[in-house]
mmCIF file of all heavy atoms, coordinates in Angstrom:
data_MODEL
# 
_entry.id   MODEL 
# 
loop_
_atom_site.group_PDB 
_atom_site.id 
_atom_site.type_symbol 
_atom_site.label_atom_id 
_atom_site.label_alt_id 
_atom_site.label_comp_id 
_atom_site.label_asym_id 
_atom_site.label_entity_id 
_atom_site.label_seq_id 
_atom_site.pdbx_PDB_ins_code 
_atom_site.Cartn_x 
_atom_site.Cartn_y 
_atom_site.Cartn_z 
_atom_site.occupancy 
_atom_site.B_iso_or_equiv 
_atom_site.pdbx_formal_charge 
_atom_site.auth_seq_id 
_atom_site.auth_comp_id 
_atom_site.auth_asym_id 
_atom_site.auth_atom_id 
_atom_site.pdbx_PDB_model_num 
ATOM 1   N N   . ARG A 1 1  ? 109.767 125.234 130.416 1.00 0.00 ? 1  ARG A N   1 
ATOM 2   C CA  . ARG A 1 1  ? 108.461 125.124 129.739 1.00 0.00 ? 1  ARG A CA  1 
ATOM 3   C C   . ARG A 1 1  ? 107.323 125.473 130.691 1.00 0.00 ? 1  ARG A C   1 
ATOM 4   O O   . ARG A 1 1  ? 106.411 126.225 130.330 1.00 0.00 ? 1  ARG A O   1 
ATOM 5   C CB  . ARG A 1 1  ? 108.268 123.696 129.215 1.00 0.00 ? 1  ARG A CB  1 
ATOM 6   C CG  . ARG A 1 1  ? 106.884 123.476 128.573 1.00 0.00 ? 1  ARG A CG  1 
ATOM 7   C CD  . ARG A 1 1  ? 106.622 122.006 128.296 1.00 0.00 ? 1  ARG A CD  1 
ATOM 8   N NE  . ARG A 1 1  ? 106.646 121.245 129.541 1.00 0.00 ? 1  ARG A NE  1 
ATOM 9   C CZ  . ARG A 1 1  ? 106.947 119.941 129.626 1.00 0.00 ? 1  ARG A CZ  1 
ATOM 10  N NH1 . ARG A 1 1  ? 107.250 119.258 128.533 1.00 0.00 ? 1  ARG A NH1 1 
ATOM 11  N NH2 . ARG A 1 1  ? 106.952 119.322 130.788 1.00 0.00 ? 1  ARG A NH2 1 
ATOM 12  N N   . ASP A 1 2  ? 107.366 124.930 131.911 1.00 0.00 ? 2  ASP A N   1 
ATOM 13  C CA  . ASP A 1 2  ? 106.281 125.182 132.867 1.00 0.00 ? 2  ASP A CA  1 
ATOM 14  C C   . ASP A 1 2  ? 106.105 126.673 133.140 1.00 0.00 ? 2  ASP A C   1 
ATOM 15  O O   . ASP A 1 2  ? 104.981 127.175 133.246 1.00 0.00 ? 2  ASP A O   1 
ATOM 16  C CB  . ASP A 1 2  ? 106.563 124.452 134.193 1.00 0.00 ? 2  ASP A CB  1 
ATOM 17  C CG  . ASP A 1 2  ? 106.610 122.940 134.018 1.00 0.00 ? 2  ASP A CG  1 
ATOM 18  O OD1 . ASP A 1 2  ? 106.114 122.451 132.985 1.00 0.00 ? 2  ASP A OD1 1 
ATOM 19  O OD2 . ASP A 1 2  ? 107.146 122.258 134.908 1.00 0.00 ? 2  ASP A OD2 1 
ATOM 20  N N   . THR A 1 3  ? 107.237 127.380 133.243 1.00 0.00 ? 3  THR A N   1 
ATOM 21  C CA  . THR A 1 3  ? 107.191 128.816 133.525 1.00 0.00 ? 3  THR A CA  1 
ATOM 22  C C   . THR A 1 3  ? 106.653 129.600 132.329 1.00 0.00 ? 3  THR A C   1 
ATOM 23  O O   . THR A 1 3  ? 105.830 130.511 132.484 1.00 0.00 ? 3  THR A O   1 
ATOM 24  C CB  . THR A 1 3  ? 108.593 129.336 133.934 1.00 0.00 ? 3  THR A CB  1 
ATOM 25  O OG1 . THR A 1 3  ? 109.133 128.475 134.948 1.00 0.00 ? 3  THR A OG1 1 
ATOM 26  C CG2 . THR A 1 3  ? 108.526 130.749 134.491 1.00 0.00 ? 3  THR A CG2 1 
ATOM 27  N N   . LEU A 1 4  ? 107.115 129.231 131.134 1.00 0.00 ? 4  LEU A N   1 
ATOM 28  C CA  . LEU A 1 4  ? 106.571 129.871 129.922 1.00 0.00 ? 4  LEU A CA  1 
ATOM 29  C C   . LEU A 1 4  ? 105.079 129.640 129.798 1.00 0.00 ? 4  LEU A C   1 
ATOM 30  O O   . LEU A 1 4  ? 104.310 130.564 129.470 1.00 0.00 ? 4  LEU A O   1 
ATOM 31  C CB  . LEU A 1 4  ? 107.276 129.318 128.667 1.00 0.00 ? 4  LEU A CB  1 
ATOM 32  C CG  . LEU A 1 4  ? 108.722 129.707 128.419 1.00 0.00 ? 4  LEU A CG  1 
ATOM 33  C CD1 . LEU A 1 4  ? 109.270 128.931 127.209 1.00 0.00 ? 4  LEU A CD1 1 
ATOM 34  C CD2 . LEU A 1 4  ? 108.884 131.198 128.183 1.00 0.00 ? 4  LEU A CD2 1 
ATOM 35  N N   . MET A 1 5  ? 104.642 128.403 130.097 1.00 0.00 ? 5  MET A N   1 
ATOM 36  C CA  . MET A 1 5  ? 103.214 128.074 130.005 1.00 0.00 ? 5  MET A CA  1 
ATOM 37  C C   . MET A 1 5  ? 102.404 128.918 130.989 1.00 0.00 ? 5  MET A C   1 
ATOM 38  O O   . MET A 1 5  ? 101.315 129.398 130.671 1.00 0.00 ? 5  MET A O   1 
ATOM 39  C CB  . MET A 1 5  ? 103.007 126.582 130.307 1.00 0.00 ? 5  MET A CB  1 
ATOM 40  C CG  . MET A 1 5  ? 103.566 125.662 129.240 1.00 0.00 ? 5  MET A CG  1 
ATOM 41  S SD  . MET A 1 5  ? 102.561 125.594 127.769 1.00 0.00 ? 5  MET A SD  1 
ATOM 42  C CE  . MET A 1 5  ? 101.259 124.517 128.307 1.00 0.00 ? 5  MET A CE  1 
ATOM 43  N N   . ASN A 1 6  ? 102.962 129.088 132.165 1.00 0.00 ? 6  ASN A N   1 
ATOM 44  C CA  . ASN A 1 6  ? 102.295 129.905 133.192 1.00 0.00 ? 6  ASN A CA  1 
ATOM 45  C C   . ASN A 1 6  ? 102.170 131.353 132.729 1.00 0.00 ? 6  ASN A C   1 
ATOM 46  O O   . ASN A 1 6  ? 101.087 131.959 132.807 1.00 0.00 ? 6  ASN A O   1 
ATOM 47  C CB  . ASN A 1 6  ? 103.092 129.813 134.504 1.00 0.00 ? 6  ASN A CB  1 
ATOM 48  C CG  . ASN A 1 6  ? 102.276 130.200 135.715 1.00 0.00 ? 6  ASN A CG  1 
ATOM 49  O OD1 . ASN A 1 6  ? 101.320 130.954 135.623 1.00 0.00 ? 6  ASN A OD1 1 
ATOM 50  N ND2 . ASN A 1 6  ? 102.655 129.679 136.866 1.00 0.00 ? 6  ASN A ND2 1 
ATOM 51  N N   . LEU A 1 7  ? 103.261 131.914 132.200 1.00 0.00 ? 7  LEU A N   1 
ATOM 52  C CA  . LEU A 1 7  ? 103.223 133.292 131.693 1.00 0.00 ? 7  LEU A CA  1 
ATOM 53  C C   . LEU A 1 7  ? 102.241 133.432 130.539 1.00 0.00 ? 7  LEU A C   1 
ATOM 54  O O   . LEU A 1 7  ? 101.535 134.440 130.434 1.00 0.00 ? 7  LEU A O   1 
ATOM 55  C CB  . LEU A 1 7  ? 104.630 133.716 131.227 1.00 0.00 ? 7  LEU A CB  1 
ATOM 56  C CG  . LEU A 1 7  ? 105.683 133.938 132.319 1.00 0.00 ? 7  LEU A CG  1 
ATOM 57  C CD1 . LEU A 1 7  ? 107.067 134.062 131.691 1.00 0.00 ? 7  LEU A CD1 1 
ATOM 58  C CD2 . LEU A 1 7  ? 105.361 135.154 133.162 1.00 0.00 ? 7  LEU A CD2 1 
ATOM 59  N N   . ALA A 1 8  ? 102.182 132.415 129.666 1.00 0.00 ? 8  ALA A N   1 
ATOM 60  C CA  . ALA A 1 8  ? 101.329 132.475 128.472 1.00 0.00 ? 8  ALA A CA  1 
ATOM 61  C C   . ALA A 1 8  ? 99.835  132.409 128.818 1.00 0.00 ? 8  ALA A C   1 
ATOM 62  O O   . ALA A 1 8  ? 98.998  132.705 127.977 1.00 0.00 ? 8  ALA A O   1 
ATOM 63  C CB  . ALA A 1 8  ? 101.693 131.358 127.504 1.00 0.00 ? 8  ALA A CB  1 
ATOM 64  N N   . GLN A 1 9  ? 99.525  132.045 130.051 1.00 0.00 ? 9  GLN A N   1 
ATOM 65  C CA  . GLN A 1 9  ? 98.118  132.079 130.473 1.00 0.00 ? 9  GLN A CA  1 
ATOM 66  C C   . GLN A 1 9  ? 97.625  133.528 130.603 1.00 0.00 ? 9  GLN A C   1 
ATOM 67  O O   . GLN A 1 9  ? 96.427  133.794 130.478 1.00 0.00 ? 9  GLN A O   1 
ATOM 68  C CB  . GLN A 1 9  ? 97.932  131.357 131.809 1.00 0.00 ? 9  GLN A CB  1 
ATOM 69  C CG  . GLN A 1 9  ? 98.049  129.849 131.705 1.00 0.00 ? 9  GLN A CG  1 
ATOM 70  C CD  . GLN A 1 9  ? 98.029  129.182 133.069 1.00 0.00 ? 9  GLN A CD  1 
ATOM 71  O OE1 . GLN A 1 9  ? 97.653  129.807 134.061 1.00 0.00 ? 9  GLN A OE1 1 
ATOM 72  N NE2 . GLN A 1 9  ? 98.408  127.928 133.107 1.00 0.00 ? 9  GLN A NE2 1 
ATOM 73  N N   . GLY A 1 10 ? 98.568  134.449 130.892 1.00 0.00 ? 10 GLY A N   1 
ATOM 74  C CA  . GLY A 1 10 ? 98.198  135.862 131.044 1.00 0.00 ? 10 GLY A CA  1 
ATOM 75  C C   . GLY A 1 10 ? 97.253  136.086 132.209 1.00 0.00 ? 10 GLY A C   1 
ATOM 76  O O   . GLY A 1 10 ? 96.278  136.827 132.101 1.00 0.00 ? 10 GLY A O   1 
ATOM 77  N N   . THR A 1 11 ? 97.546  135.440 133.347 1.00 0.00 ? 11 THR A N   1 
ATOM 78  C CA  . THR A 1 11 ? 96.640  135.541 134.509 1.00 0.00 ? 11 THR A CA  1 
ATOM 79  C C   . THR A 1 11 ? 97.314  136.217 135.702 1.00 0.00 ? 11 THR A C   1 
ATOM 80  O O   . THR A 1 11 ? 96.897  135.992 136.845 1.00 0.00 ? 11 THR A O   1 
ATOM 81  C CB  . THR A 1 11 ? 96.134  134.133 134.917 1.00 0.00 ? 11 THR A CB  1 
ATOM 82  O OG1 . THR A 1 11 ? 97.261  133.270 135.086 1.00 0.00 ? 11 THR A OG1 1 
ATOM 83  C CG2 . THR A 1 11 ? 95.211  133.554 133.867 1.00 0.00 ? 11 THR A CG2 1 
ATOM 84  N N   . ARG A 1 12 ? 98.339  137.009 135.461 1.00 0.00 ? 12 ARG A N   1 
ATOM 85  C CA  . ARG A 1 12 ? 98.978  137.722 136.569 1.00 0.00 ? 12 ARG A CA  1 
ATOM 86  C C   . ARG A 1 12 ? 97.986  138.682 137.224 1.00 0.00 ? 12 ARG A C   1 
ATOM 87  O O   . ARG A 1 12 ? 97.215  139.370 136.532 1.00 0.00 ? 12 ARG A O   1 
ATOM 88  C CB  . ARG A 1 12 ? 100.179 138.517 136.046 1.00 0.00 ? 12 ARG A CB  1 
ATOM 89  C CG  . ARG A 1 12 ? 100.954 139.250 137.162 1.00 0.00 ? 12 ARG A CG  1 
ATOM 90  C CD  . ARG A 1 12 ? 102.075 140.095 136.617 1.00 0.00 ? 12 ARG A CD  1 
ATOM 91  N NE  . ARG A 1 12 ? 103.117 139.352 135.948 1.00 0.00 ? 12 ARG A NE  1 
ATOM 92  C CZ  . ARG A 1 12 ? 104.049 138.629 136.582 1.00 0.00 ? 12 ARG A CZ  1 
ATOM 93  N NH1 . ARG A 1 12 ? 104.045 138.557 137.910 1.00 0.00 ? 12 ARG A NH1 1 
ATOM 94  N NH2 . ARG A 1 12 ? 104.966 137.973 135.911 1.00 0.00 ? 12 ARG A NH2 1 
ATOM 95  N N   . MET A 1 13 ? 97.971  138.718 138.547 1.00 0.00 ? 13 MET A N   1 
ATOM 96  C CA  . MET A 1 13 ? 97.118  139.698 139.251 1.00 0.00 ? 13 MET A CA  1 
ATOM 97  C C   . MET A 1 13 ? 97.605  141.105 138.882 1.00 0.00 ? 13 MET A C   1 
ATOM 98  O O   . MET A 1 13 ? 98.808  141.322 138.736 1.00 0.00 ? 13 MET A O   1 
ATOM 99  C CB  . MET A 1 13 ? 97.177  139.480 140.753 1.00 0.00 ? 13 MET A CB  1 
ATOM 100 C CG  . MET A 1 13 ? 96.571  138.151 141.192 1.00 0.00 ? 13 MET A CG  1 
ATOM 101 S SD  . MET A 1 13 ? 96.552  137.968 142.984 1.00 0.00 ? 13 MET A SD  1 
ATOM 102 C CE  . MET A 1 13 ? 95.146  138.954 143.403 1.00 0.00 ? 13 MET A CE  1 
ATOM 103 N N   . GLU A 1 14 ? 96.680  142.026 138.758 1.00 0.00 ? 14 GLU A N   1 
ATOM 104 C CA  . GLU A 1 14 ? 97.069  143.381 138.365 1.00 0.00 ? 14 GLU A CA  1 
ATOM 105 C C   . GLU A 1 14 ? 96.597  144.392 139.404 1.00 0.00 ? 14 GLU A C   1 
ATOM 106 O O   . GLU A 1 14 ? 95.424  144.396 139.793 1.00 0.00 ? 14 GLU A O   1 
ATOM 107 C CB  . GLU A 1 14 ? 96.488  143.709 136.980 1.00 0.00 ? 14 GLU A CB  1 
ATOM 108 C CG  . GLU A 1 14 ? 97.136  142.868 135.879 1.00 0.00 ? 14 GLU A CG  1 
ATOM 109 C CD  . GLU A 1 14 ? 96.658  143.246 134.481 1.00 0.00 ? 14 GLU A CD  1 
ATOM 110 O OE1 . GLU A 1 14 ? 95.519  143.705 134.350 1.00 0.00 ? 14 GLU A OE1 1 
ATOM 111 O OE2 . GLU A 1 14 ? 97.431  143.061 133.523 1.00 0.00 ? 14 GLU A OE2 1 
ATOM 112 N N   . GLY A 1 15 ? 97.545  145.222 139.850 1.00 0.00 ? 15 GLY A N   1 
ATOM 113 C CA  . GLY A 1 15 ? 97.194  146.323 140.749 1.00 0.00 ? 15 GLY A CA  1 
ATOM 114 C C   . GLY A 1 15 ? 96.936  145.941 142.193 1.00 0.00 ? 15 GLY A C   1 
ATOM 115 O O   . GLY A 1 15 ? 96.692  146.806 143.024 1.00 0.00 ? 15 GLY A O   1 
ATOM 116 N N   . TYR A 1 16 ? 96.978  144.644 142.507 1.00 0.00 ? 16 TYR A N   1 
ATOM 117 C CA  . TYR A 1 16 ? 96.657  144.215 143.869 1.00 0.00 ? 16 TYR A CA  1 
ATOM 118 C C   . TYR A 1 16 ? 97.934  143.942 144.647 1.00 0.00 ? 16 TYR A C   1 
ATOM 119 O O   . TYR A 1 16 ? 98.862  143.319 144.143 1.00 0.00 ? 16 TYR A O   1 
ATOM 120 C CB  . TYR A 1 16 ? 95.803  142.943 143.822 1.00 0.00 ? 16 TYR A CB  1 
ATOM 121 C CG  . TYR A 1 16 ? 95.507  142.355 145.185 1.00 0.00 ? 16 TYR A CG  1 
ATOM 122 C CD1 . TYR A 1 16 ? 94.518  142.883 146.003 1.00 0.00 ? 16 TYR A CD1 1 
ATOM 123 C CD2 . TYR A 1 16 ? 96.247  141.269 145.669 1.00 0.00 ? 16 TYR A CD2 1 
ATOM 124 C CE1 . TYR A 1 16 ? 94.255  142.360 147.252 1.00 0.00 ? 16 TYR A CE1 1 
ATOM 125 C CE2 . TYR A 1 16 ? 95.995  140.731 146.918 1.00 0.00 ? 16 TYR A CE2 1 
ATOM 126 C CZ  . TYR A 1 16 ? 94.992  141.277 147.705 1.00 0.00 ? 16 TYR A CZ  1 
ATOM 127 O OH  . TYR A 1 16 ? 94.742  140.745 148.944 1.00 0.00 ? 16 TYR A OH  1 
ATOM 128 N N   . ALA A 1 17 ? 97.976  144.394 145.893 1.00 0.00 ? 17 ALA A N   1 
ATOM 129 C CA  . ALA A 1 17 ? 99.131  144.124 146.758 1.00 0.00 ? 17 ALA A CA  1 
ATOM 130 C C   . ALA A 1 17 ? 98.660  143.898 148.190 1.00 0.00 ? 17 ALA A C   1 
ATOM 131 O O   . ALA A 1 17 ? 97.776  144.604 148.682 1.00 0.00 ? 17 ALA A O   1 
ATOM 132 C CB  . ALA A 1 17 ? 100.119 145.286 146.708 1.00 0.00 ? 17 ALA A CB  1 
ATOM 133 N N   . ASP A 1 18 ? 99.247  142.907 148.834 1.00 0.00 ? 18 ASP A N   1 
ATOM 134 C CA  . ASP A 1 18 ? 98.893  142.572 150.220 1.00 0.00 ? 18 ASP A CA  1 
ATOM 135 C C   . ASP A 1 18 ? 100.172 142.520 151.052 1.00 0.00 ? 18 ASP A C   1 
ATOM 136 O O   . ASP A 1 18 ? 100.868 141.498 151.048 1.00 0.00 ? 18 ASP A O   1 
ATOM 137 C CB  . ASP A 1 18 ? 98.163  141.223 150.254 1.00 0.00 ? 18 ASP A CB  1 
ATOM 138 C CG  . ASP A 1 18 ? 97.748  140.839 151.674 1.00 0.00 ? 18 ASP A CG  1 
ATOM 139 O OD1 . ASP A 1 18 ? 98.025  141.622 152.615 1.00 0.00 ? 18 ASP A OD1 1 
ATOM 140 O OD2 . ASP A 1 18 ? 97.159  139.765 151.841 1.00 0.00 ? 18 ASP A OD2 1 
ATOM 141 N N   . PRO A 1 19 ? 100.495 143.625 151.744 1.00 0.00 ? 19 PRO A N   1 
ATOM 142 C CA  . PRO A 1 19 ? 101.737 143.663 152.528 1.00 0.00 ? 19 PRO A CA  1 
ATOM 143 C C   . PRO A 1 19 ? 101.854 142.523 153.525 1.00 0.00 ? 19 PRO A C   1 
ATOM 144 O O   . PRO A 1 19 ? 102.966 142.058 153.832 1.00 0.00 ? 19 PRO A O   1 
ATOM 145 C CB  . PRO A 1 19 ? 101.663 145.024 153.248 1.00 0.00 ? 19 PRO A CB  1 
ATOM 146 C CG  . PRO A 1 19 ? 100.720 145.841 152.426 1.00 0.00 ? 19 PRO A CG  1 
ATOM 147 C CD  . PRO A 1 19 ? 99.727  144.877 151.855 1.00 0.00 ? 19 PRO A CD  1 
ATOM 148 N N   . SER A 1 20 ? 100.713 142.034 154.039 1.00 0.00 ? 20 SER A N   1 
ATOM 149 C CA  . SER A 1 20 ? 100.757 141.005 155.089 1.00 0.00 ? 20 SER A CA  1 
ATOM 150 C C   . SER A 1 20 ? 101.288 139.658 154.580 1.00 0.00 ? 20 SER A C   1 
ATOM 151 O O   . SER A 1 20 ? 101.751 138.842 155.362 1.00 0.00 ? 20 SER A O   1 
ATOM 152 C CB  . SER A 1 20 ? 99.367  140.813 155.696 1.00 0.00 ? 20 SER A CB  1 
ATOM 153 O OG  . SER A 1 20 ? 98.471  140.286 154.728 1.00 0.00 ? 20 SER A OG  1 
ATOM 154 N N   . THR A 1 21 ? 101.216 139.427 153.253 1.00 0.00 ? 21 THR A N   1 
ATOM 155 C CA  . THR A 1 21 ? 101.724 138.139 152.721 1.00 0.00 ? 21 THR A CA  1 
ATOM 156 C C   . THR A 1 21 ? 103.098 138.249 152.059 1.00 0.00 ? 21 THR A C   1 
ATOM 157 O O   . THR A 1 21 ? 103.658 137.251 151.615 1.00 0.00 ? 21 THR A O   1 
ATOM 158 C CB  . THR A 1 21 ? 100.732 137.546 151.695 1.00 0.00 ? 21 THR A CB  1 
ATOM 159 O OG1 . THR A 1 21 ? 100.632 138.454 150.589 1.00 0.00 ? 21 THR A OG1 1 
ATOM 160 C CG2 . THR A 1 21 ? 99.356  137.323 152.297 1.00 0.00 ? 21 THR A CG2 1 
ATOM 161 N N   . ALA A 1 22 ? 103.640 139.460 151.973 1.00 0.00 ? 22 ALA A N   1 
ATOM 162 C CA  . ALA A 1 22 ? 104.904 139.670 151.259 1.00 0.00 ? 22 ALA A CA  1 
ATOM 163 C C   . ALA A 1 22 ? 106.059 138.900 151.912 1.00 0.00 ? 22 ALA A C   1 
ATOM 164 O O   . ALA A 1 22 ? 106.849 138.240 151.218 1.00 0.00 ? 22 ALA A O   1 
ATOM 165 C CB  . ALA A 1 22 ? 105.242 141.149 151.192 1.00 0.00 ? 22 ALA A CB  1 
ATOM 166 N N   . ALA A 1 23 ? 106.131 138.933 153.245 1.00 0.00 ? 23 ALA A N   1 
ATOM 167 C CA  . ALA A 1 23 ? 107.216 138.222 153.947 1.00 0.00 ? 23 ALA A CA  1 
ATOM 168 C C   . ALA A 1 23 ? 107.098 136.710 153.761 1.00 0.00 ? 23 ALA A C   1 
ATOM 169 O O   . ALA A 1 23 ? 108.097 136.004 153.586 1.00 0.00 ? 23 ALA A O   1 
ATOM 170 C CB  . ALA A 1 23 ? 107.194 138.580 155.433 1.00 0.00 ? 23 ALA A CB  1 
ATOM 171 N N   . GLN A 1 24 ? 105.853 136.224 153.778 1.00 0.00 ? 24 GLN A N   1 
ATOM 172 C CA  . GLN A 1 24 ? 105.601 134.799 153.583 1.00 0.00 ? 24 GLN A CA  1 
ATOM 173 C C   . GLN A 1 24 ? 106.052 134.359 152.177 1.00 0.00 ? 24 GLN A C   1 
ATOM 174 O O   . GLN A 1 24 ? 106.723 133.333 152.012 1.00 0.00 ? 24 GLN A O   1 
ATOM 175 C CB  . GLN A 1 24 ? 104.100 134.541 153.768 1.00 0.00 ? 24 GLN A CB  1 
ATOM 176 C CG  . GLN A 1 24 ? 103.679 133.091 153.688 1.00 0.00 ? 24 GLN A CG  1 
ATOM 177 C CD  . GLN A 1 24 ? 102.146 132.984 153.753 1.00 0.00 ? 24 GLN A CD  1 
ATOM 178 O OE1 . GLN A 1 24 ? 101.461 133.912 154.192 1.00 0.00 ? 24 GLN A OE1 1 
ATOM 179 N NE2 . GLN A 1 24 ? 101.625 131.856 153.316 1.00 0.00 ? 24 GLN A NE2 1 
ATOM 180 N N   . ASP A 1 25 ? 105.681 135.145 151.162 1.00 0.00 ? 25 ASP A N   1 
ATOM 181 C CA  . ASP A 1 25 ? 106.107 134.845 149.788 1.00 0.00 ? 25 ASP A CA  1 
ATOM 182 C C   . ASP A 1 25 ? 107.634 134.894 149.670 1.00 0.00 ? 25 ASP A C   1 
ATOM 183 O O   . ASP A 1 25 ? 108.244 134.064 148.978 1.00 0.00 ? 25 ASP A O   1 
ATOM 184 C CB  . ASP A 1 25 ? 105.497 135.852 148.803 1.00 0.00 ? 25 ASP A CB  1 
ATOM 185 C CG  . ASP A 1 25 ? 104.002 135.650 148.611 1.00 0.00 ? 25 ASP A CG  1 
ATOM 186 O OD1 . ASP A 1 25 ? 103.510 134.545 148.902 1.00 0.00 ? 25 ASP A OD1 1 
ATOM 187 O OD2 . ASP A 1 25 ? 103.319 136.601 148.160 1.00 0.00 ? 25 ASP A OD2 1 
ATOM 188 N N   . ALA A 1 26 ? 108.245 135.876 150.316 1.00 0.00 ? 26 ALA A N   1 
ATOM 189 C CA  . ALA A 1 26 ? 109.701 136.021 150.274 1.00 0.00 ? 26 ALA A CA  1 
ATOM 190 C C   . ALA A 1 26 ? 110.378 134.801 150.895 1.00 0.00 ? 26 ALA A C   1 
ATOM 191 O O   . ALA A 1 26 ? 111.394 134.316 150.393 1.00 0.00 ? 26 ALA A O   1 
ATOM 192 C CB  . ALA A 1 26 ? 110.132 137.294 150.993 1.00 0.00 ? 26 ALA A CB  1 
ATOM 193 N N   . MET A 1 27 ? 109.792 134.285 151.971 1.00 0.00 ? 27 MET A N   1 
ATOM 194 C CA  . MET A 1 27 ? 110.348 133.096 152.635 1.00 0.00 ? 27 MET A CA  1 
ATOM 195 C C   . MET A 1 27 ? 110.265 131.879 151.703 1.00 0.00 ? 27 MET A C   1 
ATOM 196 O O   . MET A 1 27 ? 111.204 131.074 151.636 1.00 0.00 ? 27 MET A O   1 
ATOM 197 C CB  . MET A 1 27 ? 109.586 132.810 153.936 1.00 0.00 ? 27 MET A CB  1 
ATOM 198 C CG  . MET A 1 27 ? 110.186 131.678 154.761 1.00 0.00 ? 27 MET A CG  1 
ATOM 199 S SD  . MET A 1 27 ? 111.918 131.980 155.215 1.00 0.00 ? 27 MET A SD  1 
ATOM 200 C CE  . MET A 1 27 ? 111.715 133.103 156.597 1.00 0.00 ? 27 MET A CE  1 
# 
């Protein structure tokens, strides 16, 4: 439910990418 609720907000960032935080997110 929590994940569906998050998706239903429709607030995903679009077109933005930050290579410097990718490894941190992956961890």
